[in-house]
Amino acid sequence: MTEESTFDMPFLEHLEELRWRLLKSLISIVIFSIASWFFVDYVVNMLAGFVGQVYFMAPTEAFMVRIKISVIMGIVLSVPVIFYQLWMFISPGLYRHEKSYVVPVVLASTFFFVVGGSFCYFVVLPNALHFLMGYSTDLMTPLISISNLITFCAYLILAFGLVFELPVVAFFLGRIGLVNSKKLAKGRRYAVVVALIVGASLTPPDVFSQIMLAAPVLILYELSIWIVKFTGRERKRDDSFDQDERDIGLFG
């Protein structure tokens, strides 16, 4: 019996499945956001340490910032749940053997997201803020709003976390046969252009931040090529082809 995809849901049932997956992700975000409320001051102190002193410019800003930080932390802590719901939503369209990749892919997705976010927090943010704050003069004194600082940091951390998912996406696409290492290798010249575009679009308008994002994208692209080369379906096809050639040599 041939292995077939189980993606046979009617369209409305598929939408219902999507609704439940989104609802479960939202519930996870709400729960973690509520739990994160008690750690907001700790996060503010860590981020404020990058610039020395922060301010709030409106009576309601400090309160709204606490809510914003709680929600952002809720999203970050819900990453494993979100990735799991995403892959479970996709899984009905996969072959039976491909569904076994869901748990490893979810774990790898979470790992690479954490690595990307950590790289941003420990390496990119301190240097980027130091670089940008260096443009202050006697006539231009930085007066950093806590809301602007949180938005800046959260945007960069989420951007790096998502960009670091490239090897996971490449692994999955390679396993289901949609990409192979030869095609990825031929696309290196385009990857450079895309990396620069991604760096320019997902980071603040300073060269340092753009390079700090573009460089990992290129490194991750090269890593993706090797991941697909050693784990993709192309290897199985090559091995099968070599075996066919050996059989022809024996019996031809």
C-alpha atoms as a PDB file:
ATOM      1  CA  MET A   1       0.000   0.000   0.000  1.00  0.00           C
ATOM      2  CA  THR A   2       1.404   3.375  -0.941  1.00  0.00           C
ATOM      3  CA  GLU A   3       1.782   6.050   1.680  1.00  0.00           C
ATOM      4  CA  GLU A   4      -0.709   8.834   1.102  1.00  0.00           C
ATOM      5  CA  SER A   5      -1.274  12.284   2.536  1.00  0.00           C
ATOM      6  CA  THR A   6      -4.179  12.575   4.953  1.00  0.00           C
ATOM      7  CA  PHE A   7      -4.941  16.137   3.883  1.00  0.00           C
ATOM      8  CA  ASP A   8      -8.558  15.515   2.952  1.00  0.00           C
ATOM      9  CA  MET A   9     -10.368  18.026   5.205  1.00  0.00           C
ATOM     10  CA  PRO A  10     -13.138  20.104   3.640  1.00  0.00           C
ATOM     11  CA  PHE A  11     -12.294  23.797   3.455  1.00  0.00           C
ATOM     12  CA  LEU A  12     -14.646  24.816   6.288  1.00  0.00           C
ATOM     13  CA  GLU A  13     -13.266  22.111   8.576  1.00  0.00           C
ATOM     14  CA  HIS A  14      -9.778  23.333   7.764  1.00  0.00           C
ATOM     15  CA  LEU A  15     -10.770  26.854   8.809  1.00  0.00           C
ATOM     16  CA  GLU A  16     -12.293  25.485  12.004  1.00  0.00           C
ATOM     17  CA  GLU A  17      -9.038  23.658  12.723  1.00  0.00           C
ATOM     18  CA  LEU A  18      -7.113  26.903  12.176  1.00  0.00           C
ATOM     19  CA  ARG A  19      -9.459  28.746  14.543  1.00  0.00           C
ATOM     20  CA  TRP A  20      -8.868  26.230  17.328  1.00  0.00           C
ATOM     21  CA  ARG A  21      -5.101  26.284  16.820  1.00  0.00           C
ATOM     22  CA  LEU A  22      -5.089  30.089  17.011  1.00  0.00           C
ATOM     23  CA  LEU A  23      -7.342  30.010  20.079  1.00  0.00           C
ATOM     24  CA  LYS A  24      -5.038  27.596  21.898  1.00  0.00           C
ATOM     25  CA  SER A  25      -2.029  29.775  21.051  1.00  0.00           C
ATOM     26  CA  LEU A  26      -3.889  32.851  22.286  1.00  0.00           C
ATOM     27  CA  ILE A  27      -4.831  31.130  25.561  1.00  0.00           C
ATOM     28  CA  SER A  28      -1.179  30.235  26.093  1.00  0.00           C
ATOM     29  CA  ILE A  29      -0.136  33.848  25.463  1.00  0.00           C
ATOM     30  CA  VAL A  30      -2.745  35.139  27.922  1.00  0.00           C
ATOM     31  CA  ILE A  31      -1.676  32.696  30.657  1.00  0.00           C
ATOM     32  CA  PHE A  32       2.026  33.478  30.257  1.00  0.00           C
ATOM     33  CA  SER A  33       1.323  37.205  30.005  1.00  0.00           C
ATOM     34  CA  ILE A  34      -0.488  37.149  33.355  1.00  0.00           C
ATOM     35  CA  ALA A  35       2.380  35.216  34.931  1.00  0.00           C
ATOM     36  CA  SER A  36       4.909  37.644  33.395  1.00  0.00           C
ATOM     37  CA  TRP A  37       3.247  40.652  35.038  1.00  0.00           C
ATOM     38  CA  PHE A  38       5.113  39.887  38.269  1.00  0.00           C
ATOM     39  CA  PHE A  39       8.512  40.025  36.524  1.00  0.00           C
ATOM     40  CA  VAL A  40       8.054  43.279  34.599  1.00  0.00           C
ATOM     41  CA  ASP A  41      10.222  45.368  36.934  1.00  0.00           C
ATOM     42  CA  TYR A  42      13.085  42.909  36.500  1.00  0.00           C
ATOM     43  CA  VAL A  43      12.845  43.195  32.694  1.00  0.00           C
ATOM     44  CA  VAL A  44      12.676  46.997  32.832  1.00  0.00           C
ATOM     45  CA  ASN A  45      15.792  47.125  35.000  1.00  0.00           C
ATOM     46  CA  MET A  46      17.682  44.866  32.587  1.00  0.00           C
ATOM     47  CA  LEU A  47      16.743  46.865  29.487  1.00  0.00           C
ATOM     48  CA  ALA A  48      17.205  50.236  31.167  1.00  0.00           C
ATOM     49  CA  GLY A  49      20.737  49.149  32.005  1.00  0.00           C
ATOM     50  CA  PHE A  50      21.601  49.466  28.322  1.00  0.00           C
ATOM     51  CA  VAL A  51      20.938  53.235  28.296  1.00  0.00           C
ATOM     52  CA  GLY A  52      21.335  54.196  31.952  1.00  0.00           C
ATOM     53  CA  GLN A  53      18.050  55.987  32.590  1.00  0.00           C
ATOM     54  CA  VAL A  54      14.567  55.837  31.056  1.00  0.00           C
ATOM     55  CA  TYR A  55      11.504  58.051  31.408  1.00  0.00           C
ATOM     56  CA  PHE A  56       7.793  57.944  30.787  1.00  0.00           C
ATOM     57  CA  MET A  57       6.232  60.897  28.990  1.00  0.00           C
ATOM     58  CA  ALA A  58       2.539  60.507  29.877  1.00  0.00           C
ATOM     59  CA  PRO A  59       0.637  59.595  33.059  1.00  0.00           C
ATOM     60  CA  THR A  60      -0.578  56.325  31.562  1.00  0.00           C
ATOM     61  CA  GLU A  61       2.655  55.323  29.800  1.00  0.00           C
ATOM     62  CA  ALA A  62       4.239  53.469  32.721  1.00  0.00           C
ATOM     63  CA  PHE A  63       1.123  51.347  33.204  1.00  0.00           C
ATOM     64  CA  MET A  64       0.722  50.648  29.475  1.00  0.00           C
ATOM     65  CA  VAL A  65       4.378  49.693  29.260  1.00  0.00           C
ATOM     66  CA  ARG A  66       3.866  47.080  31.965  1.00  0.00           C
ATOM     67  CA  ILE A  67       1.047  45.591  29.908  1.00  0.00           C
ATOM     68  CA  LYS A  68       3.164  45.706  26.742  1.00  0.00           C
ATOM     69  CA  ILE A  69       6.080  43.963  28.431  1.00  0.00           C
ATOM     70  CA  SER A  70       3.788  41.308  29.902  1.00  0.00           C
ATOM     71  CA  VAL A  71       2.285  40.556  26.484  1.00  0.00           C
ATOM     72  CA  ILE A  72       5.696  40.435  24.782  1.00  0.00           C
ATOM     73  CA  MET A  73       6.987  38.055  27.447  1.00  0.00           C
ATOM     74  CA  GLY A  74       3.811  36.010  27.063  1.00  0.00           C
ATOM     75  CA  ILE A  75       4.458  35.679  23.333  1.00  0.00           C
ATOM     76  CA  VAL A  76       8.100  34.718  23.849  1.00  0.00           C
ATOM     77  CA  LEU A  77       7.286  32.135  26.520  1.00  0.00           C
ATOM     78  CA  SER A  78       4.496  30.728  24.330  1.00  0.00           C
ATOM     79  CA  VAL A  79       6.861  30.095  21.409  1.00  0.00           C
ATOM     80  CA  PRO A  80       6.936  26.292  21.943  1.00  0.00           C
ATOM     81  CA  VAL A  81       3.125  26.204  22.072  1.00  0.00           C
ATOM     82  CA  ILE A  82       2.777  28.442  19.018  1.00  0.00           C
ATOM     83  CA  PHE A  83       5.220  26.359  16.994  1.00  0.00           C
ATOM     84  CA  TYR A  84       3.493  23.158  18.077  1.00  0.00           C
ATOM     85  CA  GLN A  85       0.063  24.468  17.063  1.00  0.00           C
ATOM     86  CA  LEU A  86       1.492  25.667  13.749  1.00  0.00           C
ATOM     87  CA  TRP A  87       3.030  22.323  12.867  1.00  0.00           C
ATOM     88  CA  MET A  88      -0.034  20.416  14.040  1.00  0.00           C
ATOM     89  CA  PHE A  89      -2.122  22.579  11.729  1.00  0.00           C
ATOM     90  CA  ILE A  90       0.209  21.750   8.845  1.00  0.00           C
ATOM     91  CA  SER A  91       0.502  18.041   9.706  1.00  0.00           C
ATOM     92  CA  PRO A  92      -2.762  16.867   8.037  1.00  0.00           C
ATOM     93  CA  GLY A  93      -1.206  17.823   4.710  1.00  0.00           C
ATOM     94  CA  LEU A  94       1.866  15.679   5.316  1.00  0.00           C
ATOM     95  CA  TYR A  95       2.582  12.057   4.551  1.00  0.00           C
ATOM     96  CA  ARG A  96       2.539   9.666   7.466  1.00  0.00           C
ATOM     97  CA  HIS A  97       6.324   9.418   7.677  1.00  0.00           C
ATOM     98  CA  GLU A  98       6.627  13.218   7.504  1.00  0.00           C
ATOM     99  CA  LYS A  99       4.394  13.657  10.545  1.00  0.00           C
ATOM    100  CA  SER A 100       7.108  12.068  12.689  1.00  0.00           C
ATOM    101  CA  TYR A 101       9.163  15.234  12.148  1.00  0.00           C
ATOM    102  CA  VAL A 102       6.673  17.435  14.032  1.00  0.00           C
ATOM    103  CA  VAL A 103       8.102  17.010  17.549  1.00  0.00           C
ATOM    104  CA  PRO A 104      11.790  17.337  16.507  1.00  0.00           C
ATOM    105  CA  VAL A 105      10.920  20.354  14.379  1.00  0.00           C
ATOM    106  CA  VAL A 106       9.032  22.006  17.252  1.00  0.00           C
ATOM    107  CA  LEU A 107      11.959  21.421  19.625  1.00  0.00           C
ATOM    108  CA  ALA A 108      14.471  22.677  17.056  1.00  0.00           C
ATOM    109  CA  SER A 109      12.292  25.707  16.269  1.00  0.00           C
ATOM    110  CA  THR A 110      12.163  26.631  19.945  1.00  0.00           C
ATOM    111  CA  PHE A 111      15.911  26.115  20.333  1.00  0.00           C
ATOM    112  CA  PHE A 112      16.839  28.295  17.360  1.00  0.00           C
ATOM    113  CA  PHE A 113      14.367  30.993  18.407  1.00  0.00           C
ATOM    114  CA  VAL A 114      15.952  31.117  21.862  1.00  0.00           C
ATOM    115  CA  VAL A 115      19.434  31.204  20.337  1.00  0.00           C
ATOM    116  CA  GLY A 116      18.454  34.035  18.007  1.00  0.00           C
ATOM    117  CA  GLY A 117      16.784  36.046  20.761  1.00  0.00           C
ATOM    118  CA  SER A 118      19.715  35.472  23.124  1.00  0.00           C
ATOM    119  CA  PHE A 119      22.221  36.501  20.460  1.00  0.00           C
ATOM    120  CA  CYS A 120      20.255  39.707  19.968  1.00  0.00           C
ATOM    121  CA  TYR A 121      19.977  40.448  23.690  1.00  0.00           C
ATOM    122  CA  PHE A 122      23.564  39.701  24.678  1.00  0.00           C
ATOM    123  CA  VAL A 123      25.424  40.828  21.543  1.00  0.00           C
ATOM    124  CA  VAL A 124      23.345  43.032  19.258  1.00  0.00           C
ATOM    125  CA  LEU A 125      21.337  45.207  21.663  1.00  0.00           C
ATOM    126  CA  PRO A 126      24.212  46.403  23.883  1.00  0.00           C
ATOM    127  CA  ASN A 127      26.389  47.258  20.896  1.00  0.00           C
ATOM    128  CA  ALA A 128      23.585  48.752  18.805  1.00  0.00           C
ATOM    129  CA  LEU A 129      22.411  51.003  21.642  1.00  0.00           C
ATOM    130  CA  HIS A 130      25.980  51.988  22.475  1.00  0.00           C
ATOM    131  CA  PHE A 131      26.533  52.843  18.814  1.00  0.00           C
ATOM    132  CA  LEU A 132      23.333  54.885  18.552  1.00  0.00           C
ATOM    133  CA  MET A 133      23.777  56.642  21.891  1.00  0.00           C
ATOM    134  CA  GLY A 134      27.249  57.644  20.778  1.00  0.00           C
ATOM    135  CA  TYR A 135      25.715  60.288  18.521  1.00  0.00           C
ATOM    136  CA  SER A 136      24.651  62.370  21.525  1.00  0.00           C
ATOM    137  CA  THR A 137      26.320  65.777  21.943  1.00  0.00           C
ATOM    138  CA  ASP A 138      26.169  68.674  24.355  1.00  0.00           C
ATOM    139  CA  LEU A 139      23.259  70.004  22.325  1.00  0.00           C
ATOM    140  CA  MET A 140      21.563  66.625  21.864  1.00  0.00           C
ATOM    141  CA  THR A 141      21.046  64.808  25.154  1.00  0.00           C
ATOM    142  CA  PRO A 142      19.263  61.436  24.951  1.00  0.00           C
ATOM    143  CA  LEU A 143      15.928  61.326  26.759  1.00  0.00           C
ATOM    144  CA  ILE A 144      14.806  57.732  26.201  1.00  0.00           C
ATOM    145  CA  SER A 145      11.150  56.874  26.643  1.00  0.00           C
ATOM    146  CA  ILE A 146      10.595  53.486  28.275  1.00  0.00           C
ATOM    147  CA  SER A 147       7.899  52.756  25.698  1.00  0.00           C
ATOM    148  CA  ASN A 148      10.262  53.440  22.787  1.00  0.00           C
ATOM    149  CA  LEU A 149      13.027  51.385  24.383  1.00  0.00           C
ATOM    150  CA  ILE A 150      10.762  48.386  24.947  1.00  0.00           C
ATOM    151  CA  THR A 151       9.430  48.571  21.385  1.00  0.00           C
ATOM    152  CA  PHE A 152      12.962  48.826  19.981  1.00  0.00           C
ATOM    153  CA  CYS A 153      14.297  45.878  21.999  1.00  0.00           C
ATOM    154  CA  ALA A 154      11.246  43.647  21.519  1.00  0.00           C
ATOM    155  CA  TYR A 155      11.197  44.227  17.767  1.00  0.00           C
ATOM    156  CA  LEU A 156      14.852  43.296  17.403  1.00  0.00           C
ATOM    157  CA  ILE A 157      14.641  40.218  19.658  1.00  0.00           C
ATOM    158  CA  LEU A 158      11.596  38.858  17.813  1.00  0.00           C
ATOM    159  CA  ALA A 159      13.213  39.604  14.439  1.00  0.00           C
ATOM    160  CA  PHE A 160      16.398  37.717  15.338  1.00  0.00           C
ATOM    161  CA  GLY A 161      14.416  34.844  16.826  1.00  0.00           C
ATOM    162  CA  LEU A 162      12.410  34.414  13.624  1.00  0.00           C
ATOM    163  CA  VAL A 163      15.415  34.784  11.313  1.00  0.00           C
ATOM    164  CA  PHE A 164      17.227  32.033  13.209  1.00  0.00           C
ATOM    165  CA  GLU A 165      14.447  29.636  12.180  1.00  0.00           C
ATOM    166  CA  LEU A 166      16.009  29.362   8.708  1.00  0.00           C
ATOM    167  CA  PRO A 167      17.836  26.034   9.360  1.00  0.00           C
ATOM    168  CA  VAL A 168      14.644  24.468  10.725  1.00  0.00           C
ATOM    169  CA  VAL A 169      12.623  25.543   7.705  1.00  0.00           C
ATOM    170  CA  ALA A 170      15.361  24.282   5.392  1.00  0.00           C
ATOM    171  CA  PHE A 171      15.487  20.922   7.191  1.00  0.00           C
ATOM    172  CA  PHE A 172      11.733  20.449   6.895  1.00  0.00           C
ATOM    173  CA  LEU A 173      11.582  21.490   3.237  1.00  0.00           C
ATOM    174  CA  GLY A 174      14.547  19.240   2.497  1.00  0.00           C
ATOM    175  CA  ARG A 175      12.935  16.252   4.183  1.00  0.00           C
ATOM    176  CA  ILE A 176       9.750  16.593   2.154  1.00  0.00           C
ATOM    177  CA  GLY A 177      11.747  17.106  -1.034  1.00  0.00           C
ATOM    178  CA  LEU A 178      10.833  20.719  -1.849  1.00  0.00           C
ATOM    179  CA  VAL A 179      14.441  21.946  -1.772  1.00  0.00           C
ATOM    180  CA  ASN A 180      17.858  20.366  -2.166  1.00  0.00           C
ATOM    181  CA  SER A 181      21.390  21.454  -1.350  1.00  0.00           C
ATOM    182  CA  LYS A 182      22.370  21.993  -4.993  1.00  0.00           C
ATOM    183  CA  LYS A 183      19.585  24.512  -5.540  1.00  0.00           C
ATOM    184  CA  LEU A 184      20.396  26.251  -2.281  1.00  0.00           C
ATOM    185  CA  ALA A 185      24.082  26.419  -3.201  1.00  0.00           C
ATOM    186  CA  LYS A 186      23.244  27.970  -6.555  1.00  0.00           C
ATOM    187  CA  GLY A 187      21.159  30.570  -4.763  1.00  0.00           C
ATOM    188  CA  ARG A 188      24.047  31.945  -2.680  1.00  0.00           C
ATOM    189  CA  ARG A 189      24.325  35.135  -4.742  1.00  0.00           C
ATOM    190  CA  TYR A 190      20.638  35.821  -4.195  1.00  0.00           C
ATOM    191  CA  ALA A 191      20.939  34.953  -0.513  1.00  0.00           C
ATOM    192  CA  VAL A 192      23.423  37.808  -0.063  1.00  0.00           C
ATOM    193  CA  VAL A 193      20.961  40.290  -1.546  1.00  0.00           C
ATOM    194  CA  VAL A 194      18.065  38.883   0.495  1.00  0.00           C
ATOM    195  CA  ALA A 195      20.166  38.985   3.692  1.00  0.00           C
ATOM    196  CA  LEU A 196      20.946  42.667   3.138  1.00  0.00           C
ATOM    197  CA  ILE A 197      17.285  43.414   2.415  1.00  0.00           C
ATOM    198  CA  VAL A 198      16.167  41.520   5.519  1.00  0.00           C
ATOM    199  CA  GLY A 199      18.793  43.283   7.614  1.00  0.00           C
ATOM    200  CA  ALA A 200      17.663  46.675   6.323  1.00  0.00           C
ATOM    201  CA  SER A 201      13.946  45.996   6.749  1.00  0.00           C
ATOM    202  CA  LEU A 202      13.932  44.295  10.166  1.00  0.00           C
ATOM    203  CA  THR A 203      16.406  46.507  12.005  1.00  0.00           C
ATOM    204  CA  PRO A 204      16.662  50.200  12.875  1.00  0.00           C
ATOM    205  CA  PRO A 205      18.218  52.433  10.195  1.00  0.00           C
ATOM    206  CA  ASP A 206      21.806  52.032  11.352  1.00  0.00           C
ATOM    207  CA  VAL A 207      24.499  50.072   9.569  1.00  0.00           C
ATOM    208  CA  PHE A 208      25.633  48.186  12.673  1.00  0.00           C
ATOM    209  CA  SER A 209      22.264  46.555  13.377  1.00  0.00           C
ATOM    210  CA  GLN A 210      21.761  45.723   9.709  1.00  0.00           C
ATOM    211  CA  ILE A 211      25.130  43.988   9.458  1.00  0.00           C
ATOM    212  CA  MET A 212      24.566  42.169  12.751  1.00  0.00           C
ATOM    213  CA  LEU A 213      21.389  40.651  11.301  1.00  0.00           C
ATOM    214  CA  ALA A 214      22.584  40.141   7.716  1.00  0.00           C
ATOM    215  CA  ALA A 215      25.735  38.272   8.784  1.00  0.00           C
ATOM    216  CA  PRO A 216      23.885  35.566  10.780  1.00  0.00           C
ATOM    217  CA  VAL A 217      21.423  35.164   7.907  1.00  0.00           C
ATOM    218  CA  LEU A 218      24.289  34.281   5.552  1.00  0.00           C
ATOM    219  CA  ILE A 219      25.849  31.933   8.113  1.00  0.00           C
ATOM    220  CA  LEU A 220      22.491  30.254   8.712  1.00  0.00           C
ATOM    221  CA  TYR A 221      21.981  29.925   4.967  1.00  0.00           C
ATOM    222  CA  GLU A 222      25.284  28.065   4.644  1.00  0.00           C
ATOM    223  CA  LEU A 223      24.311  25.896   7.624  1.00  0.00           C
ATOM    224  CA  SER A 224      20.984  25.192   5.936  1.00  0.00           C
ATOM    225  CA  ILE A 225      22.770  23.965   2.802  1.00  0.00           C
ATOM    226  CA  TRP A 226      24.719  21.402   4.841  1.00  0.00           C
ATOM    227  CA  ILE A 227      21.648  20.389   6.841  1.00  0.00           C
ATOM    228  CA  VAL A 228      19.691  19.727   3.647  1.00  0.00           C
ATOM    229  CA  LYS A 229      22.664  17.928   2.103  1.00  0.00           C
ATOM    230  CA  PHE A 230      22.905  15.403   4.931  1.00  0.00           C
ATOM    231  CA  THR A 231      19.238  15.107   5.936  1.00  0.00           C
ATOM    232  CA  GLY A 232      17.234  15.950   2.826  1.00  0.00           C
ATOM    233  CA  ARG A 233      15.389  13.525   0.602  1.00  0.00           C
ATOM    234  CA  GLU A 234      17.928  14.088  -2.201  1.00  0.00           C
ATOM    235  CA  ARG A 235      20.426  11.898  -0.338  1.00  0.00           C
ATOM    236  CA  LYS A 236      18.001   9.012  -0.322  1.00  0.00           C
ATOM    237  CA  ARG A 237      17.361   9.442  -4.036  1.00  0.00           C
ATOM    238  CA  ASP A 238      21.089   9.517  -4.752  1.00  0.00           C
ATOM    239  CA  ASP A 239      21.644   6.366  -2.675  1.00  0.00           C
ATOM    240  CA  SER A 240      18.751   4.658  -4.476  1.00  0.00           C
ATOM    241  CA  PHE A 241      20.171   5.706  -7.849  1.00  0.00           C
ATOM    242  CA  ASP A 242      23.608   4.369  -6.937  1.00  0.00           C
ATOM    243  CA  GLN A 243      22.038   1.085  -5.867  1.00  0.00           C
ATOM    244  CA  ASP A 244      20.167   0.861  -9.192  1.00  0.00           C
ATOM    245  CA  GLU A 245      23.437   1.448 -11.036  1.00  0.00           C
ATOM    246  CA  ARG A 246      25.123  -1.309  -9.033  1.00  0.00           C
ATOM    247  CA  ASP A 247      22.252  -3.675  -9.834  1.00  0.00           C
ATOM    248  CA  ILE A 248      22.520  -2.836 -13.545  1.00  0.00           C
ATOM    249  CA  GLY A 249      26.255  -3.482 -13.377  1.00  0.00           C
ATOM    250  CA  LEU A 250      25.662  -6.869 -11.808  1.00  0.00           C
ATOM    251  CA  PHE A 251      22.936  -8.078 -14.160  1.00  0.00           C
ATOM    252  CA  GLY A 252      23.641  -6.051 -17.320  1.00  0.00           C
END
